[in-house]
Amino acid sequence: MNRITQKLLGLVSGLSGRPGGAYNIREDSRCAGRQNSEHIRIEQKTDKPGIDIIVRAGTRGETVYIPACITHSAVDDLVYNDFYIAEGADVTVVAGCGVHTEGEADSRHNGIHRFFIGKDAHVRYLEKHIGTGGGTGKRIIDPQTVCEIAEGGLLEMDTAQIRGVDSTKRVTRARLERAARLVIREKIMTYGCQSAVTDFEVELNGTGSGTDLVSRSVARGESKQLFRSRIYGNAACSGHSECDAIIMDGAEVSAIPELTARHVDAALIHEAAIGKIAGEQIVKLMTLGLTEEQAEAKIIDGFLK
């Protein structure tokens, strides 16, 4: 494991080395380390690049780490990871990605994750995307997540992309059965000419199922962001989608919600707000001794927490 990988691991998952418990570390399209635990097994796929993560029924309080790192230019990485979470399990998955380039060629990571969450199981999914390096090649990360959540299951996703990624398209698809829930908290910041697309689609198929999708973003420079969410209420269910964005400089932000109710007791809500930082907020912080730049940074930090 090289020095750049060690740095990226620290940035995307808080690891300074290999963690305890189950983990799989991916470096430049290859496995750089793997370990199972008593209740979590990681198996290499035989038909395509990627792994199967198998969590035994009743597993409680364990964390599995699956970070992916690209350490140089001209890498096009594609990986398929499937998670099989058995009934009643309660686990945390840490799945950050870091892309580092020093040359002129682009580097890209495409992670396609599928979650099969069993009855009454609970998964916390933490994902941070980081781009580093001084190269002119683009740092591209395009994750896809597909979720099948059984009765009473819960998936909580907390994703962040704050710096360095030139282009990203995040696609999330989910189907929920009776009393299942999906909660997503997304944070994005773009600079310069960067672009970020979020595309959520959730089918609420079971009675009592529900979803809560919240995206907070800051667009700076000439960057562009697009937030699209589609929620289908196919039963007595509840769905909420929210996009809050701060726009600065010459940036562009679009929010496109779509709600479809196919049941009389489907309760679906969308909220969206896009605007600049209020001048009075800046002035108030400047009266406390901050410069305008410091006040702006403080407001943005608070918004993205």
C-alpha atoms as a PDB file:
ATOM      1  CA  MET A   1       0.000   0.000   0.000  1.00  0.00           C
ATOM      2  CA  ASN A   2       1.710   3.217  -1.141  1.00  0.00           C
ATOM      3  CA  ARG A   3       1.924   6.647   0.486  1.00  0.00           C
ATOM      4  CA  ILE A   4      -0.855   8.189  -1.637  1.00  0.00           C
ATOM      5  CA  THR A   5      -3.217   5.349  -0.776  1.00  0.00           C
ATOM      6  CA  GLN A   6      -2.487   5.844   2.922  1.00  0.00           C
ATOM      7  CA  LYS A   7      -3.319   9.537   2.577  1.00  0.00           C
ATOM      8  CA  LEU A   8      -6.526   8.879   0.650  1.00  0.00           C
ATOM      9  CA  LEU A   9      -7.616   6.255   3.164  1.00  0.00           C
ATOM     10  CA  GLY A  10      -7.287   8.839   5.908  1.00  0.00           C
ATOM     11  CA  LEU A  11      -9.337  11.366   3.946  1.00  0.00           C
ATOM     12  CA  VAL A  12     -12.180   9.109   2.801  1.00  0.00           C
ATOM     13  CA  SER A  13     -12.651   6.824   5.794  1.00  0.00           C
ATOM     14  CA  GLY A  14     -10.561   8.114   8.685  1.00  0.00           C
ATOM     15  CA  LEU A  15      -8.115   5.223   8.387  1.00  0.00           C
ATOM     16  CA  SER A  16      -4.396   5.752   8.881  1.00  0.00           C
ATOM     17  CA  GLY A  17      -3.799   2.044   8.296  1.00  0.00           C
ATOM     18  CA  ARG A  18      -5.792  -1.148   8.036  1.00  0.00           C
ATOM     19  CA  PRO A  19      -8.781  -1.349  10.382  1.00  0.00           C
ATOM     20  CA  GLY A  20      -9.817  -4.158  12.652  1.00  0.00           C
ATOM     21  CA  GLY A  21     -12.791  -6.323  11.723  1.00  0.00           C
ATOM     22  CA  ALA A  22     -13.808  -6.912   8.113  1.00  0.00           C
ATOM     23  CA  TYR A  23     -12.323  -4.824   5.316  1.00  0.00           C
ATOM     24  CA  ASN A  24     -11.450  -4.762   1.636  1.00  0.00           C
ATOM     25  CA  ILE A  25      -9.071  -2.059   0.368  1.00  0.00           C
ATOM     26  CA  ARG A  26      -9.081  -1.437  -3.392  1.00  0.00           C
ATOM     27  CA  GLU A  27      -6.053   0.314  -4.924  1.00  0.00           C
ATOM     28  CA  ASP A  28      -5.834   1.121  -8.655  1.00  0.00           C
ATOM     29  CA  SER A  29      -8.319  -1.620  -9.619  1.00  0.00           C
ATOM     30  CA  ARG A  30      -6.631  -4.277  -7.447  1.00  0.00           C
ATOM     31  CA  CYS A  31      -7.146  -5.623  -3.952  1.00  0.00           C
ATOM     32  CA  ALA A  32      -4.560  -4.167  -1.568  1.00  0.00           C
ATOM     33  CA  GLY A  33      -5.845  -5.968   1.517  1.00  0.00           C
ATOM     34  CA  ARG A  34      -8.770  -8.021   2.760  1.00  0.00           C
ATOM     35  CA  GLN A  35      -9.940  -9.487   6.021  1.00  0.00           C
ATOM     36  CA  ASN A  36     -13.095 -11.238   7.226  1.00  0.00           C
ATOM     37  CA  SER A  37     -14.575 -11.101  10.697  1.00  0.00           C
ATOM     38  CA  GLU A  38     -16.506 -13.679  12.681  1.00  0.00           C
ATOM     39  CA  HIS A  39     -19.852 -12.475  11.287  1.00  0.00           C
ATOM     40  CA  ILE A  40     -18.929 -10.737   8.013  1.00  0.00           C
ATOM     41  CA  ARG A  41     -17.465 -12.559   5.009  1.00  0.00           C
ATOM     42  CA  ILE A  42     -16.024 -10.889   1.894  1.00  0.00           C
ATOM     43  CA  GLU A  43     -15.746 -12.961  -1.286  1.00  0.00           C
ATOM     44  CA  GLN A  44     -14.177 -12.101  -4.640  1.00  0.00           C
ATOM     45  CA  LYS A  45     -16.569 -12.200  -7.594  1.00  0.00           C
ATOM     46  CA  THR A  46     -15.627 -14.673 -10.325  1.00  0.00           C
ATOM     47  CA  ASP A  47     -17.569 -13.198 -13.263  1.00  0.00           C
ATOM     48  CA  LYS A  48     -16.656  -9.492 -12.984  1.00  0.00           C
ATOM     49  CA  PRO A  49     -14.542  -7.139 -10.868  1.00  0.00           C
ATOM     50  CA  GLY A  50     -15.852  -6.694  -7.355  1.00  0.00           C
ATOM     51  CA  ILE A  51     -16.790  -8.424  -4.137  1.00  0.00           C
ATOM     52  CA  ASP A  52     -19.741  -9.878  -2.236  1.00  0.00           C
ATOM     53  CA  ILE A  53     -20.099  -8.719   1.368  1.00  0.00           C
ATOM     54  CA  ILE A  54     -22.148 -11.253   3.352  1.00  0.00           C
ATOM     55  CA  VAL A  55     -23.407 -10.300   6.821  1.00  0.00           C
ATOM     56  CA  ARG A  56     -24.809 -13.089   8.982  1.00  0.00           C
ATOM     57  CA  ALA A  57     -28.244 -12.872  10.599  1.00  0.00           C
ATOM     58  CA  GLY A  58     -28.251 -11.147  13.972  1.00  0.00           C
ATOM     59  CA  THR A  59     -24.849  -9.467  13.535  1.00  0.00           C
ATOM     60  CA  ARG A  60     -24.747  -6.398  15.793  1.00  0.00           C
ATOM     61  CA  GLY A  61     -22.454  -3.383  16.070  1.00  0.00           C
ATOM     62  CA  GLU A  62     -19.838  -4.342  13.462  1.00  0.00           C
ATOM     63  CA  THR A  63     -18.265  -2.109  10.800  1.00  0.00           C
ATOM     64  CA  VAL A  64     -17.003  -3.213   7.403  1.00  0.00           C
ATOM     65  CA  TYR A  65     -14.627  -0.943   5.441  1.00  0.00           C
ATOM     66  CA  ILE A  66     -14.476  -1.040   1.634  1.00  0.00           C
ATOM     67  CA  PRO A  67     -12.544   2.102   0.525  1.00  0.00           C
ATOM     68  CA  ALA A  68     -11.319   2.459  -3.068  1.00  0.00           C
ATOM     69  CA  CYS A  69      -8.297   4.572  -4.062  1.00  0.00           C
ATOM     70  CA  ILE A  70      -6.857   5.652  -7.404  1.00  0.00           C
ATOM     71  CA  THR A  71      -3.307   6.935  -7.033  1.00  0.00           C
ATOM     72  CA  HIS A  72      -2.338   8.171 -10.517  1.00  0.00           C
ATOM     73  CA  SER A  73      -3.659   9.375 -13.874  1.00  0.00           C
ATOM     74  CA  ALA A  74      -5.048   7.208 -16.694  1.00  0.00           C
ATOM     75  CA  VAL A  75      -6.965   4.725 -14.524  1.00  0.00           C
ATOM     76  CA  ASP A  76     -10.522   3.696 -15.426  1.00  0.00           C
ATOM     77  CA  ASP A  77     -11.790   1.625 -12.517  1.00  0.00           C
ATOM     78  CA  LEU A  78     -15.111  -0.241 -12.516  1.00  0.00           C
ATOM     79  CA  VAL A  79     -16.204  -2.381  -9.581  1.00  0.00           C
ATOM     80  CA  TYR A  80     -19.388  -4.259  -8.639  1.00  0.00           C
ATOM     81  CA  ASN A  81     -19.984  -4.717  -4.897  1.00  0.00           C
ATOM     82  CA  ASP A  82     -23.023  -6.594  -3.580  1.00  0.00           C
ATOM     83  CA  PHE A  83     -24.116  -6.485   0.061  1.00  0.00           C
ATOM     84  CA  TYR A  84     -26.209  -9.309   1.481  1.00  0.00           C
ATOM     85  CA  ILE A  85     -27.500  -8.217   4.892  1.00  0.00           C
ATOM     86  CA  ALA A  86     -29.353 -11.034   6.646  1.00  0.00           C
ATOM     87  CA  GLU A  87     -32.402 -10.706   8.882  1.00  0.00           C
ATOM     88  CA  GLY A  88     -31.983  -8.662  12.046  1.00  0.00           C
ATOM     89  CA  ALA A  89     -28.403  -7.553  11.380  1.00  0.00           C
ATOM     90  CA  ASP A  90     -27.234  -4.071  12.426  1.00  0.00           C
ATOM     91  CA  VAL A  91     -24.003  -2.955  10.736  1.00  0.00           C
ATOM     92  CA  THR A  92     -22.094   0.067   9.445  1.00  0.00           C
ATOM     93  CA  VAL A  93     -20.490   0.173   5.991  1.00  0.00           C
ATOM     94  CA  VAL A  94     -17.708   2.706   5.289  1.00  0.00           C
ATOM     95  CA  ALA A  95     -17.200   3.020   1.530  1.00  0.00           C
ATOM     96  CA  GLY A  96     -15.231   6.151   0.641  1.00  0.00           C
ATOM     97  CA  CYS A  97     -13.405   6.786  -2.625  1.00  0.00           C
ATOM     98  CA  GLY A  98     -10.347   8.921  -3.354  1.00  0.00           C
ATOM     99  CA  VAL A  99      -8.937   9.794  -6.799  1.00  0.00           C
ATOM    100  CA  HIS A 100      -5.449  11.320  -7.166  1.00  0.00           C
ATOM    101  CA  THR A 101      -3.995  12.545 -10.474  1.00  0.00           C
ATOM    102  CA  GLU A 102      -0.667  14.173 -11.333  1.00  0.00           C
ATOM    103  CA  GLY A 103      -0.692  13.952 -15.162  1.00  0.00           C
ATOM    104  CA  GLU A 104      -2.804  15.087 -18.101  1.00  0.00           C
ATOM    105  CA  ALA A 105      -4.973  11.975 -18.444  1.00  0.00           C
ATOM    106  CA  ASP A 106      -8.277  11.572 -16.595  1.00  0.00           C
ATOM    107  CA  SER A 107      -8.851   9.008 -13.868  1.00  0.00           C
ATOM    108  CA  ARG A 108     -12.242   7.561 -13.039  1.00  0.00           C
ATOM    109  CA  HIS A 109     -13.862   5.318 -10.444  1.00  0.00           C
ATOM    110  CA  ASN A 110     -17.269   3.747 -11.062  1.00  0.00           C
ATOM    111  CA  GLY A 111     -18.604   1.884  -8.043  1.00  0.00           C
ATOM    112  CA  ILE A 112     -21.830  -0.067  -8.585  1.00  0.00           C
ATOM    113  CA  HIS A 113     -23.234  -1.155  -5.220  1.00  0.00           C
ATOM    114  CA  ARG A 114     -26.282  -3.334  -4.652  1.00  0.00           C
ATOM    115  CA  PHE A 115     -27.846  -3.755  -1.209  1.00  0.00           C
ATOM    116  CA  PHE A 116     -30.125  -6.669  -0.359  1.00  0.00           C
ATOM    117  CA  ILE A 117     -31.326  -5.796   3.130  1.00  0.00           C
ATOM    118  CA  GLY A 118     -33.219  -8.499   5.004  1.00  0.00           C
ATOM    119  CA  LYS A 119     -36.214  -8.285   7.286  1.00  0.00           C
ATOM    120  CA  ASP A 120     -35.709  -5.897  10.239  1.00  0.00           C
ATOM    121  CA  ALA A 121     -32.048  -5.334   9.309  1.00  0.00           C
ATOM    122  CA  HIS A 122     -30.369  -1.933   9.742  1.00  0.00           C
ATOM    123  CA  VAL A 123     -27.474  -0.594   7.662  1.00  0.00           C
ATOM    124  CA  ARG A 124     -25.609   2.724   8.082  1.00  0.00           C
ATOM    125  CA  TYR A 125     -23.751   3.501   4.865  1.00  0.00           C
ATOM    126  CA  LEU A 126     -21.066   6.200   5.064  1.00  0.00           C
ATOM    127  CA  GLU A 127     -19.426   7.422   1.869  1.00  0.00           C
ATOM    128  CA  LYS A 128     -17.015  10.303   1.264  1.00  0.00           C
ATOM    129  CA  HIS A 129     -15.570  11.255  -2.123  1.00  0.00           C
ATOM    130  CA  ILE A 130     -12.267  13.145  -2.402  1.00  0.00           C
ATOM    131  CA  GLY A 131     -10.104  14.303  -5.317  1.00  0.00           C
ATOM    132  CA  THR A 132      -6.451  15.284  -4.850  1.00  0.00           C
ATOM    133  CA  GLY A 133      -3.318  15.950  -6.902  1.00  0.00           C
ATOM    134  CA  GLY A 134      -1.986  18.712  -9.135  1.00  0.00           C
ATOM    135  CA  GLY A 135      -2.548  17.061 -12.509  1.00  0.00           C
ATOM    136  CA  THR A 136      -4.701  18.562 -15.249  1.00  0.00           C
ATOM    137  CA  GLY A 137      -6.502  15.267 -15.830  1.00  0.00           C
ATOM    138  CA  LYS A 138     -10.042  15.152 -14.480  1.00  0.00           C
ATOM    139  CA  ARG A 139     -10.891  13.276 -11.292  1.00  0.00           C
ATOM    140  CA  ILE A 140     -14.198  11.514 -11.997  1.00  0.00           C
ATOM    141  CA  ILE A 141     -16.362   9.492  -9.582  1.00  0.00           C
ATOM    142  CA  ASP A 142     -19.693   8.029 -10.748  1.00  0.00           C
ATOM    143  CA  PRO A 143     -21.309   5.877  -8.037  1.00  0.00           C
ATOM    144  CA  GLN A 144     -24.462   3.826  -8.518  1.00  0.00           C
ATOM    145  CA  THR A 145     -26.444   2.338  -5.645  1.00  0.00           C
ATOM    146  CA  VAL A 146     -29.359  -0.080  -5.972  1.00  0.00           C
ATOM    147  CA  CYS A 147     -31.296  -1.037  -2.828  1.00  0.00           C
ATOM    148  CA  GLU A 148     -33.816  -3.777  -2.093  1.00  0.00           C
ATOM    149  CA  ILE A 149     -35.138  -3.281   1.445  1.00  0.00           C
ATOM    150  CA  ALA A 150     -37.321  -6.007   2.935  1.00  0.00           C
ATOM    151  CA  GLU A 151     -40.037  -5.656   5.557  1.00  0.00           C
ATOM    152  CA  GLY A 152     -38.970  -3.525   8.499  1.00  0.00           C
ATOM    153  CA  GLY A 153     -35.504  -2.903   7.064  1.00  0.00           C
ATOM    154  CA  LEU A 154     -33.698   0.434   7.324  1.00  0.00           C
ATOM    155  CA  LEU A 155     -30.897   1.906   5.199  1.00  0.00           C
ATOM    156  CA  GLU A 156     -29.328   5.194   6.305  1.00  0.00           C
ATOM    157  CA  MET A 157     -26.966   6.742   3.752  1.00  0.00           C
ATOM    158  CA  ASP A 158     -24.661   9.645   4.645  1.00  0.00           C
ATOM    159  CA  THR A 159     -22.658  10.823   1.632  1.00  0.00           C
ATOM    160  CA  ALA A 160     -20.262  13.759   1.229  1.00  0.00           C
ATOM    161  CA  GLN A 161     -18.286  15.264  -1.637  1.00  0.00           C
ATOM    162  CA  ILE A 162     -16.674  18.511  -0.562  1.00  0.00           C
ATOM    163  CA  ARG A 163     -13.536  18.986  -2.642  1.00  0.00           C
ATOM    164  CA  GLY A 164     -11.418  17.973  -5.574  1.00  0.00           C
ATOM    165  CA  VAL A 165     -13.826  15.888  -7.684  1.00  0.00           C
ATOM    166  CA  ASP A 166     -14.201  17.389 -11.168  1.00  0.00           C
ATOM    167  CA  SER A 167     -17.213  15.403 -12.320  1.00  0.00           C
ATOM    168  CA  THR A 168     -19.665  13.132 -10.570  1.00  0.00           C
ATOM    169  CA  LYS A 169     -23.006  11.518 -11.286  1.00  0.00           C
ATOM    170  CA  ARG A 170     -24.596   9.781  -8.322  1.00  0.00           C
ATOM    171  CA  VAL A 171     -27.465   7.431  -9.218  1.00  0.00           C
ATOM    172  CA  THR A 172     -29.550   5.813  -6.461  1.00  0.00           C
ATOM    173  CA  ARG A 173     -32.438   3.407  -7.011  1.00  0.00           C
ATOM    174  CA  ALA A 174     -34.454   1.818  -4.198  1.00  0.00           C
ATOM    175  CA  ARG A 175     -37.473  -0.431  -3.716  1.00  0.00           C
ATOM    176  CA  LEU A 176     -39.035  -0.668  -0.259  1.00  0.00           C
ATOM    177  CA  GLU A 177     -41.384  -3.276   1.154  1.00  0.00           C
ATOM    178  CA  ARG A 178     -43.750  -3.111   4.139  1.00  0.00           C
ATOM    179  CA  ALA A 179     -42.540  -0.780   6.954  1.00  0.00           C
ATOM    180  CA  ALA A 180     -39.102  -0.401   5.300  1.00  0.00           C
ATOM    181  CA  ARG A 181     -37.308   2.958   5.397  1.00  0.00           C
ATOM    182  CA  LEU A 182     -34.614   4.762   3.406  1.00  0.00           C
ATOM    183  CA  VAL A 183     -32.943   7.887   4.813  1.00  0.00           C
ATOM    184  CA  ILE A 184     -30.346   9.799   2.760  1.00  0.00           C
ATOM    185  CA  ARG A 185     -28.279  12.832   3.800  1.00  0.00           C
ATOM    186  CA  GLU A 186     -26.135  14.217   0.980  1.00  0.00           C
ATOM    187  CA  LYS A 187     -23.558  17.051   1.113  1.00  0.00           C
ATOM    188  CA  ILE A 188     -21.874  18.467  -1.988  1.00  0.00           C
ATOM    189  CA  MET A 189     -19.575  21.400  -2.748  1.00  0.00           C
ATOM    190  CA  THR A 190     -18.342  22.240  -6.250  1.00  0.00           C
ATOM    191  CA  TYR A 191     -15.762  24.770  -7.445  1.00  0.00           C
ATOM    192  CA  GLY A 192     -14.368  26.086 -10.720  1.00  0.00           C
ATOM    193  CA  CYS A 193     -15.829  24.194 -13.693  1.00  0.00           C
ATOM    194  CA  GLN A 194     -16.785  21.083 -11.718  1.00  0.00           C
ATOM    195  CA  SER A 195     -20.147  19.364 -12.209  1.00  0.00           C
ATOM    196  CA  ALA A 196     -22.283  17.219  -9.920  1.00  0.00           C
ATOM    197  CA  VAL A 197     -25.480  15.331 -10.734  1.00  0.00           C
ATOM    198  CA  THR A 198     -27.692  13.608  -8.158  1.00  0.00           C
ATOM    199  CA  ASP A 199     -30.402  11.248  -9.418  1.00  0.00           C
ATOM    200  CA  PHE A 200     -32.649   9.578  -6.808  1.00  0.00           C
ATOM    201  CA  GLU A 201     -35.519   7.208  -7.598  1.00  0.00           C
ATOM    202  CA  VAL A 202     -37.468   5.474  -4.810  1.00  0.00           C
ATOM    203  CA  GLU A 203     -40.409   3.081  -5.095  1.00  0.00           C
ATOM    204  CA  LEU A 204     -42.483   2.817  -1.921  1.00  0.00           C
ATOM    205  CA  ASN A 205     -44.233  -0.488  -2.496  1.00  0.00           C
ATOM    206  CA  GLY A 206     -45.179  -1.629   1.011  1.00  0.00           C
ATOM    207  CA  THR A 207     -47.698  -0.343   3.533  1.00  0.00           C
ATOM    208  CA  GLY A 208     -45.962   1.887   6.084  1.00  0.00           C
ATOM    209  CA  SER A 209     -42.805   2.284   4.004  1.00  0.00           C
ATOM    210  CA  GLY A 210     -41.125   5.674   3.916  1.00  0.00           C
ATOM    211  CA  THR A 211     -38.195   7.688   2.634  1.00  0.00           C
ATOM    212  CA  ASP A 212     -36.511  10.955   3.602  1.00  0.00           C
ATOM    213  CA  LEU A 213     -34.055  12.366   1.025  1.00  0.00           C
ATOM    214  CA  VAL A 214     -32.182  15.560   1.935  1.00  0.00           C
ATOM    215  CA  SER A 215     -29.454  17.170  -0.195  1.00  0.00           C
ATOM    216  CA  ARG A 216     -27.439  20.213   0.893  1.00  0.00           C
ATOM    217  CA  SER A 217     -25.012  21.753  -1.543  1.00  0.00           C
ATOM    218  CA  VAL A 218     -22.826  24.774  -2.280  1.00  0.00           C
ATOM    219  CA  ALA A 219     -21.990  25.710  -5.877  1.00  0.00           C
ATOM    220  CA  ARG A 220     -19.077  28.108  -6.424  1.00  0.00           C
ATOM    221  CA  GLY A 221     -17.151  29.487  -9.387  1.00  0.00           C
ATOM    222  CA  GLU A 222     -18.614  28.376 -12.727  1.00  0.00           C
ATOM    223  CA  SER A 223     -19.636  24.947 -11.448  1.00  0.00           C
ATOM    224  CA  LYS A 224     -22.948  23.261 -12.223  1.00  0.00           C
ATOM    225  CA  GLN A 225     -25.181  21.077 -10.084  1.00  0.00           C
ATOM    226  CA  LEU A 226     -28.328  19.126 -10.887  1.00  0.00           C
ATOM    227  CA  PHE A 227     -30.560  17.497  -8.268  1.00  0.00           C
ATOM    228  CA  ARG A 228     -33.296  15.181  -9.522  1.00  0.00           C
ATOM    229  CA  SER A 229     -35.558  13.085  -7.299  1.00  0.00           C
ATOM    230  CA  ARG A 230     -38.445  10.798  -8.138  1.00  0.00           C
ATOM    231  CA  ILE A 231     -40.612   9.192  -5.459  1.00  0.00           C
ATOM    232  CA  TYR A 232     -43.386   6.732  -6.307  1.00  0.00           C
ATOM    233  CA  GLY A 233     -45.989   6.100  -3.626  1.00  0.00           C
ATOM    234  CA  ASN A 234     -47.484   2.724  -4.551  1.00  0.00           C
ATOM    235  CA  ALA A 235     -49.049   2.011  -1.125  1.00  0.00           C
ATOM    236  CA  ALA A 236     -50.020   3.771   2.089  1.00  0.00           C
ATOM    237  CA  CYS A 237     -46.619   5.356   2.656  1.00  0.00           C
ATOM    238  CA  SER A 238     -44.727   8.598   3.304  1.00  0.00           C
ATOM    239  CA  GLY A 239     -42.059  10.270   1.191  1.00  0.00           C
ATOM    240  CA  HIS A 240     -40.072  13.479   1.628  1.00  0.00           C
ATOM    241  CA  SER A 241     -37.489  15.020  -0.684  1.00  0.00           C
ATOM    242  CA  GLU A 242     -35.568  18.234   0.037  1.00  0.00           C
ATOM    243  CA  CYS A 243     -32.892  20.167  -1.849  1.00  0.00           C
ATOM    244  CA  ASP A 244     -31.231  23.188  -0.209  1.00  0.00           C
ATOM    245  CA  ALA A 245     -28.462  24.927  -2.156  1.00  0.00           C
ATOM    246  CA  ILE A 246     -26.259  27.995  -1.802  1.00  0.00           C
ATOM    247  CA  ILE A 247     -25.272  29.483  -5.149  1.00  0.00           C
ATOM    248  CA  MET A 248     -22.240  31.749  -5.528  1.00  0.00           C
ATOM    249  CA  ASP A 249     -20.220  33.539  -8.219  1.00  0.00           C
ATOM    250  CA  GLY A 250     -21.316  32.339 -11.696  1.00  0.00           C
ATOM    251  CA  ALA A 251     -22.521  28.874 -10.695  1.00  0.00           C
ATOM    252  CA  GLU A 252     -25.717  27.118 -11.778  1.00  0.00           C
ATOM    253  CA  VAL A 253     -28.017  24.895  -9.700  1.00  0.00           C
ATOM    254  CA  SER A 254     -31.134  23.019 -10.851  1.00  0.00           C
ATOM    255  CA  ALA A 255     -33.611  21.096  -8.679  1.00  0.00           C
ATOM    256  CA  ILE A 256     -36.119  18.823 -10.435  1.00  0.00           C
ATOM    257  CA  PRO A 257     -38.566  16.986  -8.158  1.00  0.00           C
ATOM    258  CA  GLU A 258     -41.117  14.418  -9.270  1.00  0.00           C
ATOM    259  CA  LEU A 259     -43.758  12.882  -7.015  1.00  0.00           C
ATOM    260  CA  THR A 260     -46.184  10.187  -8.155  1.00  0.00           C
ATOM    261  CA  ALA A 261     -48.945   8.884  -5.874  1.00  0.00           C
ATOM    262  CA  ARG A 262     -50.661   5.633  -6.843  1.00  0.00           C
ATOM    263  CA  HIS A 263     -52.478   5.106  -3.558  1.00  0.00           C
ATOM    264  CA  VAL A 264     -54.967   7.355  -1.783  1.00  0.00           C
ATOM    265  CA  ASP A 265     -52.913   7.158   1.444  1.00  0.00           C
ATOM    266  CA  ALA A 266     -49.553   7.980  -0.108  1.00  0.00           C
ATOM    267  CA  ALA A 267     -48.271  11.218   1.501  1.00  0.00           C
ATOM    268  CA  LEU A 268     -45.471  12.749  -0.571  1.00  0.00           C
ATOM    269  CA  ILE A 269     -43.704  16.107  -0.061  1.00  0.00           C
ATOM    270  CA  HIS A 270     -40.908  17.952  -1.870  1.00  0.00           C
ATOM    271  CA  GLU A 271     -39.096  21.096  -0.723  1.00  0.00           C
ATOM    272  CA  ALA A 272     -36.446  23.078  -2.600  1.00  0.00           C
ATOM    273  CA  ALA A 273     -34.562  26.279  -1.850  1.00  0.00           C
ATOM    274  CA  ILE A 274     -31.748  27.837  -3.894  1.00  0.00           C
ATOM    275  CA  GLY A 275     -30.223  31.190  -3.035  1.00  0.00           C
ATOM    276  CA  LYS A 276     -27.172  33.216  -2.114  1.00  0.00           C
ATOM    277  CA  ILE A 277     -25.772  33.823   1.355  1.00  0.00           C
ATOM    278  CA  ALA A 278     -27.768  36.607   2.991  1.00  0.00           C
ATOM    279  CA  GLY A 279     -25.806  39.840   3.342  1.00  0.00           C
ATOM    280  CA  GLU A 280     -26.958  40.366   6.920  1.00  0.00           C
ATOM    281  CA  GLN A 281     -25.408  37.035   7.911  1.00  0.00           C
ATOM    282  CA  ILE A 282     -22.031  38.174   6.579  1.00  0.00           C
ATOM    283  CA  VAL A 283     -22.328  41.568   8.297  1.00  0.00           C
ATOM    284  CA  LYS A 284     -23.285  40.028  11.632  1.00  0.00           C
ATOM    285  CA  LEU A 285     -20.213  37.776  11.679  1.00  0.00           C
ATOM    286  CA  MET A 286     -17.959  40.632  10.547  1.00  0.00           C
ATOM    287  CA  THR A 287     -19.082  42.653  13.544  1.00  0.00           C
ATOM    288  CA  LEU A 288     -17.651  39.835  15.683  1.00  0.00           C
ATOM    289  CA  GLY A 289     -14.208  40.367  14.154  1.00  0.00           C
ATOM    290  CA  LEU A 290     -14.232  38.016  11.152  1.00  0.00           C
ATOM    291  CA  THR A 291     -13.179  39.095   7.674  1.00  0.00           C
ATOM    292  CA  GLU A 292     -15.712  38.756   4.866  1.00  0.00           C
ATOM    293  CA  GLU A 293     -13.957  35.604   3.622  1.00  0.00           C
ATOM    294  CA  GLN A 294     -13.881  34.104   7.121  1.00  0.00           C
ATOM    295  CA  ALA A 295     -17.564  34.902   7.656  1.00  0.00           C
ATOM    296  CA  GLU A 296     -18.472  33.297   4.333  1.00  0.00           C
ATOM    297  CA  ALA A 297     -16.492  30.149   5.179  1.00  0.00           C
ATOM    298  CA  LYS A 298     -18.127  29.915   8.612  1.00  0.00           C
ATOM    299  CA  ILE A 299     -21.623  30.109   7.114  1.00  0.00           C
ATOM    300  CA  ILE A 300     -20.832  27.443   4.520  1.00  0.00           C
ATOM    301  CA  ASP A 301     -19.325  25.116   7.141  1.00  0.00           C
ATOM    302  CA  GLY A 302     -22.455  25.426   9.262  1.00  0.00           C
ATOM    303  CA  PHE A 303     -24.737  24.860   6.266  1.00  0.00           C
ATOM    304  CA  LEU A 304     -22.974  21.638   5.277  1.00  0.00           C
ATOM    305  CA  LYS A 305     -22.817  20.118   8.766  1.00  0.00           C
END
